[in-house]
Amino acid sequence: MSLGLMALSARADGGSTTDPDLQVGGFAVFGTNVTGATTVTSGWGSVYMQGSLQVQSNLHVNGAIHSTNLLQTGRQGFTQRDQWLAQYGIIQPVSSYIRIRGDGQAVLLGNPQIAPGTPGQLLTLQGVSSTWKVTVVDGHGLRTKMAQPFSLGEFDTMQFIFDDSSSTWVEINRSQNRWDN
């Protein structure tokens, strides 16, 4: 269905989840370059937006946010290299360099601590918070130096290589570069 409208305006009060003021079903497109839609291409409730989206108030997301570069005005910006980990979270080796911190708390990692990589893949982890450190321990897919745990705080680094024969990330080195303990 196609409507050749120049402008569309809707105003209503009192909508709810059981009685919405506006409900649009199907695949919705905002803009003219539909060929730009590569991951959201069809489906009930799917929306493709060619231009910008500005949210004046809160944005609530249930599910993952996939982005090549997500920046928040007035907040710390982060990219796919930044991972804020929940308690027992798993580091995703999406690039050779990952900045990590606990999401509002210091955290221990899950099992595995780092998701499997590719044979010989090198991975450098850097802590970015002196408060919300991420602790790695020997085991659960990691082989650490002398089986010693390490808490990555701000500016601390740790490097690994992935051994596919044992599905283990093997520590190459670590460096505690922060000013405090």
Foldseek 3Di string as FASTA:
>chain_A
DDDPDPDDDFDDPDADPVRHSDDDWWEEEADDPLVVDDPQNIDTPHYYYPDDDDDPDDDDDDDDDDDQWAQDPPDDTDGPLEDAAEAQDAAEPPDQEHEYFHDVAAYEHHQQNYQFDDAFRKHKYAYQAQGGWYKYFDDSQEHEDVRDIDTHHRGKMWMWTAHPVVSHTYTPDIDDDDPDD
